[in-house]
Amino acid sequence: MHELEHASVIDGWVGGSMMIDSLQSMAARSVGQAYAVDETMRAGLEFALEKRQVDAGNALESAHGRMTTELVNSLRQLTAQLKP
């Protein structure tokens, strides 16, 4: 093998090592991004579930308030009808 060919093989190996390092770095970034996406999705789901519970609680309170108002109005009407 000539000296130039030998140098080329060595340079290729060094370049290959740099390529592997680059791929490993890209893989590490991808793993980090995947983890961030997963955490964001989990937080979003937790928020949605919490919001659903709060909305359901608010709807229940609103319905309870309307029923109480209707009951009071019905009792007033009944009382008015029973008065002599």
PDB file of N, CA and C in Angstrom:
ATOM      1  N   MET A   1       0.856  -1.168   0.000  1.00  0.00           N
ATOM      2  CA  MET A   1       0.000   0.000   0.000  1.00  0.00           C
ATOM      3  C   MET A   1       0.900   1.229   0.000  1.00  0.00           C
ATOM      4  N   HIS A   2       0.591   2.180  -0.828  1.00  0.00           N
ATOM      5  CA  HIS A   2       1.369   3.414  -0.878  1.00  0.00           C
ATOM      6  C   HIS A   2       1.042   4.273   0.328  1.00  0.00           C
ATOM      7  N   GLU A   3       1.944   5.230   0.594  1.00  0.00           N
ATOM      8  CA  GLU A   3       1.745   6.106   1.740  1.00  0.00           C
ATOM      9  C   GLU A   3       0.450   6.906   1.631  1.00  0.00           C
ATOM     10  N   LEU A   4       0.112   7.378   0.430  1.00  0.00           N
ATOM     11  CA  LEU A   4      -1.116   8.157   0.250  1.00  0.00           C
ATOM     12  C   LEU A   4      -2.347   7.305   0.516  1.00  0.00           C
ATOM     13  N   GLU A   5      -2.303   6.055   0.041  1.00  0.00           N
ATOM     14  CA  GLU A   5      -3.438   5.167   0.291  1.00  0.00           C
ATOM     15  C   GLU A   5      -3.576   4.901   1.779  1.00  0.00           C
ATOM     16  N   HIS A   6      -2.443   4.684   2.461  1.00  0.00           N
ATOM     17  CA  HIS A   6      -2.455   4.414   3.892  1.00  0.00           C
ATOM     18  C   HIS A   6      -3.029   5.620   4.652  1.00  0.00           C
ATOM     19  N   ALA A   7      -2.614   6.816   4.279  1.00  0.00           N
ATOM     20  CA  ALA A   7      -3.126   8.028   4.916  1.00  0.00           C
ATOM     21  C   ALA A   7      -4.629   8.150   4.693  1.00  0.00           C
ATOM     22  N   SER A   8      -5.076   7.782   3.501  1.00  0.00           N
ATOM     23  CA  SER A   8      -6.496   7.853   3.191  1.00  0.00           C
ATOM     24  C   SER A   8      -7.288   6.900   4.075  1.00  0.00           C
ATOM     25  N   VAL A   9      -6.773   5.712   4.298  1.00  0.00           N
ATOM     26  CA  VAL A   9      -7.451   4.731   5.151  1.00  0.00           C
ATOM     27  C   VAL A   9      -7.539   5.255   6.571  1.00  0.00           C
ATOM     28  N   ILE A  10      -6.452   5.831   7.058  1.00  0.00           N
ATOM     29  CA  ILE A  10      -6.454   6.375   8.414  1.00  0.00           C
ATOM     30  C   ILE A  10      -7.446   7.530   8.513  1.00  0.00           C
ATOM     31  N   ASP A  11      -7.413   8.443   7.528  1.00  0.00           N
ATOM     32  CA  ASP A  11      -8.357   9.561   7.538  1.00  0.00           C
ATOM     33  C   ASP A  11      -9.799   9.058   7.499  1.00  0.00           C
ATOM     34  N   GLY A  12     -10.033   8.033   6.710  1.00  0.00           N
ATOM     35  CA  GLY A  12     -11.375   7.459   6.628  1.00  0.00           C
ATOM     36  C   GLY A  12     -11.821   6.900   7.963  1.00  0.00           C
ATOM     37  N   TRP A  13     -10.906   6.258   8.677  1.00  0.00           N
ATOM     38  CA  TRP A  13     -11.249   5.695   9.976  1.00  0.00           C
ATOM     39  C   TRP A  13     -11.549   6.801  10.972  1.00  0.00           C
ATOM     40  N   VAL A  14     -10.734   7.851  10.966  1.00  0.00           N
ATOM     41  CA  VAL A  14     -10.962   8.983  11.859  1.00  0.00           C
ATOM     42  C   VAL A  14     -12.292   9.634  11.516  1.00  0.00           C
ATOM     43  N   GLY A  15     -12.544   9.803  10.222  1.00  0.00           N
ATOM     44  CA  GLY A  15     -13.825  10.358   9.802  1.00  0.00           C
ATOM     45  C   GLY A  15     -14.969   9.466  10.241  1.00  0.00           C
ATOM     46  N   GLY A  16     -14.758   8.141  10.155  1.00  0.00           N
ATOM     47  CA  GLY A  16     -15.784   7.202  10.598  1.00  0.00           C
ATOM     48  C   GLY A  16     -16.052   7.341  12.077  1.00  0.00           C
ATOM     49  N   SER A  17     -14.989   7.526  12.851  1.00  0.00           N
ATOM     50  CA  SER A  17     -15.138   7.721  14.287  1.00  0.00           C
ATOM     51  C   SER A  17     -15.909   9.005  14.571  1.00  0.00           C
ATOM     52  N   MET A  18     -15.594  10.037  13.809  1.00  0.00           N
ATOM     53  CA  MET A  18     -16.314  11.302  13.986  1.00  0.00           C
ATOM     54  C   MET A  18     -17.777  11.138  13.589  1.00  0.00           C
ATOM     55  N   MET A  19     -18.028  10.326  12.564  1.00  0.00           N
ATOM     56  CA  MET A  19     -19.395  10.069  12.119  1.00  0.00           C
ATOM     57  C   MET A  19     -20.164   9.343  13.218  1.00  0.00           C
ATOM     58  N   ILE A  20     -19.517   8.377  13.849  1.00  0.00           N
ATOM     59  CA  ILE A  20     -20.166   7.635  14.935  1.00  0.00           C
ATOM     60  C   ILE A  20     -20.480   8.580  16.087  1.00  0.00           C
ATOM     61  N   ASP A  21     -19.516   9.439  16.436  1.00  0.00           N
ATOM     62  CA  ASP A  21     -19.753  10.415  17.502  1.00  0.00           C
ATOM     63  C   ASP A  21     -20.927  11.325  17.149  1.00  0.00           C
ATOM     64  N   SER A  22     -20.975  11.747  15.901  1.00  0.00           N
ATOM     65  CA  SER A  22     -22.061  12.614  15.449  1.00  0.00           C
ATOM     66  C   SER A  22     -23.405  11.892  15.539  1.00  0.00           C
ATOM     67  N   LEU A  23     -23.424  10.633  15.118  1.00  0.00           N
ATOM     68  CA  LEU A  23     -24.667   9.850  15.188  1.00  0.00           C
ATOM     69  C   LEU A  23     -25.086   9.623  16.634  1.00  0.00           C
ATOM     70  N   GLN A  24     -24.110   9.365  17.506  1.00  0.00           N
ATOM     71  CA  GLN A  24     -24.428   9.175  18.918  1.00  0.00           C
ATOM     72  C   GLN A  24     -24.990  10.460  19.518  1.00  0.00           C
ATOM     73  N   SER A  25     -24.414  11.583  19.131  1.00  0.00           N
ATOM     74  CA  SER A  25     -24.899  12.875  19.612  1.00  0.00           C
ATOM     75  C   SER A  25     -26.329  13.127  19.125  1.00  0.00           C
ATOM     76  N   MET A  26     -26.583  12.817  17.860  1.00  0.00           N
ATOM     77  CA  MET A  26     -27.932  12.983  17.314  1.00  0.00           C
ATOM     78  C   MET A  26     -28.912  12.061  18.022  1.00  0.00           C
ATOM     79  N   ALA A  27     -28.481  10.837  18.296  1.00  0.00           N
ATOM     80  CA  ALA A  27     -29.346   9.883  18.989  1.00  0.00           C
ATOM     81  C   ALA A  27     -29.662  10.379  20.394  1.00  0.00           C
ATOM     82  N   ALA A  28     -28.653  10.914  21.080  1.00  0.00           N
ATOM     83  CA  ALA A  28     -28.877  11.437  22.427  1.00  0.00           C
ATOM     84  C   ALA A  28     -29.854  12.608  22.398  1.00  0.00           C
ATOM     85  N   ARG A  29     -29.718  13.495  21.418  1.00  0.00           N
ATOM     86  CA  ARG A  29     -30.658  14.618  21.294  1.00  0.00           C
ATOM     87  C   ARG A  29     -32.067  14.102  21.008  1.00  0.00           C
ATOM     88  N   SER A  30     -32.161  13.094  20.152  1.00  0.00           N
ATOM     89  CA  SER A  30     -33.476  12.535  19.813  1.00  0.00           C
ATOM     90  C   SER A  30     -34.133  11.928  21.041  1.00  0.00           C
ATOM     91  N   VAL A  31     -33.344  11.234  21.852  1.00  0.00           N
ATOM     92  CA  VAL A  31     -33.884  10.646  23.080  1.00  0.00           C
ATOM     93  C   VAL A  31     -34.364  11.759  24.008  1.00  0.00           C
ATOM     94  N   GLY A  32     -33.570  12.809  24.125  1.00  0.00           N
ATOM     95  CA  GLY A  32     -33.967  13.940  24.964  1.00  0.00           C
ATOM     96  C   GLY A  32     -35.240  14.595  24.469  1.00  0.00           C
ATOM     97  N   GLN A  33     -35.354  14.759  23.167  1.00  0.00           N
ATOM     98  CA  GLN A  33     -36.558  15.365  22.597  1.00  0.00           C
ATOM     99  C   GLN A  33     -37.764  14.456  22.794  1.00  0.00           C
ATOM    100  N   ALA A  34     -37.571  13.154  22.630  1.00  0.00           N
ATOM    101  CA  ALA A  34     -38.674  12.209  22.831  1.00  0.00           C
ATOM    102  C   ALA A  34     -39.145  12.255  24.281  1.00  0.00           C
ATOM    103  N   TYR A  35     -38.202  12.348  25.214  1.00  0.00           N
ATOM    104  CA  TYR A  35     -38.553  12.441  26.629  1.00  0.00           C
ATOM    105  C   TYR A  35     -39.341  13.725  26.894  1.00  0.00           C
ATOM    106  N   ALA A  36     -38.891  14.835  26.309  1.00  0.00           N
ATOM    107  CA  ALA A  36     -39.579  16.115  26.492  1.00  0.00           C
ATOM    108  C   ALA A  36     -40.997  16.051  25.930  1.00  0.00           C
ATOM    109  N   VAL A  37     -41.158  15.443  24.771  1.00  0.00           N
ATOM    110  CA  VAL A  37     -42.489  15.298  24.165  1.00  0.00           C
ATOM    111  C   VAL A  37     -43.372  14.438  25.060  1.00  0.00           C
ATOM    112  N   ASP A  38     -42.819  13.347  25.577  1.00  0.00           N
ATOM    113  CA  ASP A  38     -43.571  12.453  26.451  1.00  0.00           C
ATOM    114  C   ASP A  38     -44.026  13.188  27.713  1.00  0.00           C
ATOM    115  N   GLU A  39     -43.125  13.944  28.322  1.00  0.00           N
ATOM    116  CA  GLU A  39     -43.472  14.694  29.526  1.00  0.00           C
ATOM    117  C   GLU A  39     -44.525  15.763  29.231  1.00  0.00           C
ATOM    118  N   THR A  40     -44.410  16.415  28.095  1.00  0.00           N
ATOM    119  CA  THR A  40     -45.388  17.436  27.708  1.00  0.00           C
ATOM    120  C   THR A  40     -46.759  16.807  27.497  1.00  0.00           C
ATOM    121  N   MET A  41     -46.787  15.654  26.837  1.00  0.00           N
ATOM    122  CA  MET A  41     -48.063  14.963  26.610  1.00  0.00           C
ATOM    123  C   MET A  41     -48.678  14.535  27.939  1.00  0.00           C
ATOM    124  N   ARG A  42     -47.852  14.026  28.852  1.00  0.00           N
ATOM    125  CA  ARG A  42     -48.352  13.582  30.154  1.00  0.00           C
ATOM    126  C   ARG A  42     -48.922  14.769  30.934  1.00  0.00           C
ATOM    127  N   ALA A  43     -48.207  15.884  30.925  1.00  0.00           N
ATOM    128  CA  ALA A  43     -48.686  17.078  31.626  1.00  0.00           C
ATOM    129  C   ALA A  43     -49.982  17.593  31.000  1.00  0.00           C
ATOM    130  N   GLY A  44     -50.067  17.550  29.678  1.00  0.00           N
ATOM    131  CA  GLY A  44     -51.285  17.975  28.992  1.00  0.00           C
ATOM    132  C   GLY A  44     -52.470  17.102  29.356  1.00  0.00           C
ATOM    133  N   LEU A  45     -52.241  15.805  29.432  1.00  0.00           N
ATOM    134  CA  LEU A  45     -53.311  14.876  29.800  1.00  0.00           C
ATOM    135  C   LEU A  45     -53.759  15.112  31.238  1.00  0.00           C
ATOM    136  N   GLU A  46     -52.800  15.293  32.143  1.00  0.00           N
ATOM    137  CA  GLU A  46     -53.154  15.572  33.532  1.00  0.00           C
ATOM    138  C   GLU A  46     -53.969  16.861  33.634  1.00  0.00           C
ATOM    139  N   PHE A  47     -53.554  17.884  32.878  1.00  0.00           N
ATOM    140  CA  PHE A  47     -54.291  19.151  32.885  1.00  0.00           C
ATOM    141  C   PHE A  47     -55.711  18.951  32.365  1.00  0.00           C
ATOM    142  N   ALA A  48     -55.850  18.197  31.272  1.00  0.00           N
ATOM    143  CA  ALA A  48     -57.177  17.964  30.684  1.00  0.00           C
ATOM    144  C   ALA A  48     -58.086  17.228  31.663  1.00  0.00           C
ATOM    145  N   LEU A  49     -57.540  16.229  32.355  1.00  0.00           N
ATOM    146  CA  LEU A  49     -58.346  15.490  33.328  1.00  0.00           C
ATOM    147  C   LEU A  49     -58.751  16.381  34.498  1.00  0.00           C
ATOM    148  N   GLU A  50     -57.808  17.190  34.973  1.00  0.00           N
ATOM    149  CA  GLU A  50     -58.115  18.117  36.068  1.00  0.00           C
ATOM    150  C   GLU A  50     -59.186  19.116  35.635  1.00  0.00           C
ATOM    151  N   LYS A  51     -59.047  19.651  34.425  1.00  0.00           N
ATOM    152  CA  LYS A  51     -60.030  20.615  33.908  1.00  0.00           C
ATOM    153  C   LYS A  51     -61.399  19.964  33.792  1.00  0.00           C
ATOM    154  N   ARG A  52     -61.423  18.715  33.344  1.00  0.00           N
ATOM    155  CA  ARG A  52     -62.695  18.005  33.214  1.00  0.00           C
ATOM    156  C   ARG A  52     -63.369  17.864  34.577  1.00  0.00           C
ATOM    157  N   GLN A  53     -62.573  17.534  35.599  1.00  0.00           N
ATOM    158  CA  GLN A  53     -63.137  17.401  36.944  1.00  0.00           C
ATOM    159  C   GLN A  53     -63.662  18.742  37.451  1.00  0.00           C
ATOM    160  N   VAL A  54     -62.900  19.802  37.224  1.00  0.00           N
ATOM    161  CA  VAL A  54     -63.333  21.134  37.660  1.00  0.00           C
ATOM    162  C   VAL A  54     -64.604  21.541  36.919  1.00  0.00           C
ATOM    163  N   ASP A  55     -64.629  21.313  35.606  1.00  0.00           N
ATOM    164  CA  ASP A  55     -65.822  21.655  34.818  1.00  0.00           C
ATOM    165  C   ASP A  55     -67.033  20.867  35.292  1.00  0.00           C
ATOM    166  N   ALA A  56     -66.844  19.583  35.593  1.00  0.00           N
ATOM    167  CA  ALA A  56     -67.953  18.758  36.081  1.00  0.00           C
ATOM    168  C   ALA A  56     -68.436  19.271  37.434  1.00  0.00           C
ATOM    169  N   GLY A  57     -67.504  19.649  38.291  1.00  0.00           N
ATOM    170  CA  GLY A  57     -67.880  20.203  39.598  1.00  0.00           C
ATOM    171  C   GLY A  57     -68.659  21.498  39.451  1.00  0.00           C
ATOM    172  N   ASN A  58     -68.205  22.354  38.542  1.00  0.00           N
ATOM    173  CA  ASN A  58     -68.919  23.618  38.300  1.00  0.00           C
ATOM    174  C   ASN A  58     -70.316  23.369  37.747  1.00  0.00           C
ATOM    175  N   ALA A  59     -70.443  22.413  36.846  1.00  0.00           N
ATOM    176  CA  ALA A  59     -71.756  22.081  36.278  1.00  0.00           C
ATOM    177  C   ALA A  59     -72.685  21.546  37.365  1.00  0.00           C
ATOM    178  N   LEU A  60     -72.158  20.728  38.258  1.00  0.00           N
ATOM    179  CA  LEU A  60     -72.961  20.182  39.351  1.00  0.00           C
ATOM    180  C   LEU A  60     -73.431  21.295  40.289  1.00  0.00           C
ATOM    181  N   GLU A  61     -72.534  22.214  40.621  1.00  0.00           N
ATOM    182  CA  GLU A  61     -72.913  23.342  41.479  1.00  0.00           C
ATOM    183  C   GLU A  61     -73.986  24.198  40.809  1.00  0.00           C
ATOM    184  N   SER A  62     -73.844  24.427  39.524  1.00  0.00           N
ATOM    185  CA  SER A  62     -74.818  25.230  38.787  1.00  0.00           C
ATOM    186  C   SER A  62     -76.180  24.542  38.777  1.00  0.00           C
ATOM    187  N   ALA A  63     -76.188  23.235  38.510  1.00  0.00           N
ATOM    188  CA  ALA A  63     -77.449  22.482  38.493  1.00  0.00           C
ATOM    189  C   ALA A  63     -78.087  22.489  39.877  1.00  0.00           C
ATOM    190  N   HIS A  64     -77.277  22.340  40.910  1.00  0.00           N
ATOM    191  CA  HIS A  64     -77.795  22.360  42.279  1.00  0.00           C
ATOM    192  C   HIS A  64     -78.422  23.716  42.591  1.00  0.00           C
ATOM    193  N   GLY A  65     -77.756  24.780  42.158  1.00  0.00           N
ATOM    194  CA  GLY A  65     -78.298  26.131  42.374  1.00  0.00           C
ATOM    195  C   GLY A  65     -79.632  26.329  41.677  1.00  0.00           C
ATOM    196  N   ARG A  66     -79.742  25.857  40.426  1.00  0.00           N
ATOM    197  CA  ARG A  66     -81.011  25.986  39.687  1.00  0.00           C
ATOM    198  C   ARG A  66     -82.118  25.181  40.355  1.00  0.00           C
ATOM    199  N   MET A  67     -81.803  23.970  40.788  1.00  0.00           N
ATOM    200  CA  MET A  67     -82.823  23.134  41.441  1.00  0.00           C
ATOM    201  C   MET A  67     -83.284  23.758  42.750  1.00  0.00           C
ATOM    202  N   THR A  68     -82.350  24.323  43.498  1.00  0.00           N
ATOM    203  CA  THR A  68     -82.714  24.981  44.755  1.00  0.00           C
ATOM    204  C   THR A  68     -83.639  26.165  44.484  1.00  0.00           C
ATOM    205  N   THR A  69     -83.308  26.951  43.474  1.00  0.00           N
ATOM    206  CA  THR A  69     -84.147  28.103  43.107  1.00  0.00           C
ATOM    207  C   THR A  69     -85.539  27.639  42.690  1.00  0.00           C
ATOM    208  N   GLU A  70     -85.617  26.582  41.877  1.00  0.00           N
ATOM    209  CA  GLU A  70     -86.922  26.060  41.445  1.00  0.00           C
ATOM    210  C   GLU A  70     -87.724  25.535  42.629  1.00  0.00           C
ATOM    211  N   LEU A  71     -87.058  24.882  43.564  1.00  0.00           N
ATOM    212  CA  LEU A  71     -87.746  24.359  44.746  1.00  0.00           C
ATOM    213  C   LEU A  71     -88.299  25.503  45.594  1.00  0.00           C
ATOM    214  N   VAL A  72     -87.499  26.522  45.819  1.00  0.00           N
ATOM    215  CA  VAL A  72     -87.951  27.679  46.601  1.00  0.00           C
ATOM    216  C   VAL A  72     -89.135  28.353  45.914  1.00  0.00           C
ATOM    217  N   ASN A  73     -89.048  28.548  44.593  1.00  0.00           N
ATOM    218  CA  ASN A  73     -90.161  29.174  43.861  1.00  0.00           C
ATOM    219  C   ASN A  73     -91.422  28.320  43.937  1.00  0.00           C
ATOM    220  N   SER A  74     -91.283  27.009  43.824  1.00  0.00           N
ATOM    221  CA  SER A  74     -92.451  26.118  43.919  1.00  0.00           C
ATOM    222  C   SER A  74     -93.064  26.185  45.303  1.00  0.00           C
ATOM    223  N   LEU A  75     -92.241  26.220  46.338  1.00  0.00           N
ATOM    224  CA  LEU A  75     -92.766  26.316  47.705  1.00  0.00           C
ATOM    225  C   LEU A  75     -93.474  27.648  47.928  1.00  0.00           C
ATOM    226  N   ARG A  76     -92.960  28.722  47.361  1.00  0.00           N
ATOM    227  CA  ARG A  76     -93.623  30.025  47.477  1.00  0.00           C
ATOM    228  C   ARG A  76     -94.993  29.996  46.802  1.00  0.00           C
ATOM    229  N   GLN A  77     -95.038  29.392  45.604  1.00  0.00           N
ATOM    230  CA  GLN A  77     -96.321  29.303  44.894  1.00  0.00           C
ATOM    231  C   GLN A  77     -97.311  28.456  45.682  1.00  0.00           C
ATOM    232  N   LEU A  78     -96.836  27.354  46.235  1.00  0.00           N
ATOM    233  CA  LEU A  78     -97.705  26.485  47.028  1.00  0.00           C
ATOM    234  C   LEU A  78     -98.211  27.216  48.267  1.00  0.00           C
ATOM    235  N   THR A  79     -97.327  27.939  48.932  1.00  0.00           N
ATOM    236  CA  THR A  79     -97.710  28.711  50.119  1.00  0.00           C
ATOM    237  C   THR A  79     -98.742  29.771  49.752  1.00  0.00           C
ATOM    238  N   ALA A  80     -98.552  30.433  48.622  1.00  0.00           N
ATOM    239  CA  ALA A  80     -99.497  31.469  48.177  1.00  0.00           C
ATOM    240  C   ALA A  80    -100.862  30.856  47.890  1.00  0.00           C
ATOM    241  N   GLN A  81    -100.896  29.653  47.361  1.00  0.00           N
ATOM    242  CA  GLN A  81    -102.170  28.994  47.053  1.00  0.00           C
ATOM    243  C   GLN A  81    -102.877  28.540  48.319  1.00  0.00           C
ATOM    244  N   LEU A  82    -102.133  28.213  49.360  1.00  0.00           N
ATOM    245  CA  LEU A  82    -102.735  27.713  50.597  1.00  0.00           C
ATOM    246  C   LEU A  82    -103.221  28.829  51.515  1.00  0.00           C
ATOM    247  N   LYS A  83    -102.794  30.055  51.289  1.00  0.00           N
ATOM    248  CA  LYS A  83    -103.228  31.171  52.135  1.00  0.00           C
ATOM    249  C   LYS A  83    -104.711  31.445  51.872  1.00  0.00           C
ATOM    250  N   PRO A  84    -105.461  31.714  52.968  1.00  0.00           N
ATOM    251  CA  PRO A  84    -106.898  31.984  52.787  1.00  0.00           C
ATOM    252  C   PRO A  84    -107.185  33.322  52.139  1.00  0.00           C
TER     253      PRO A  84
END
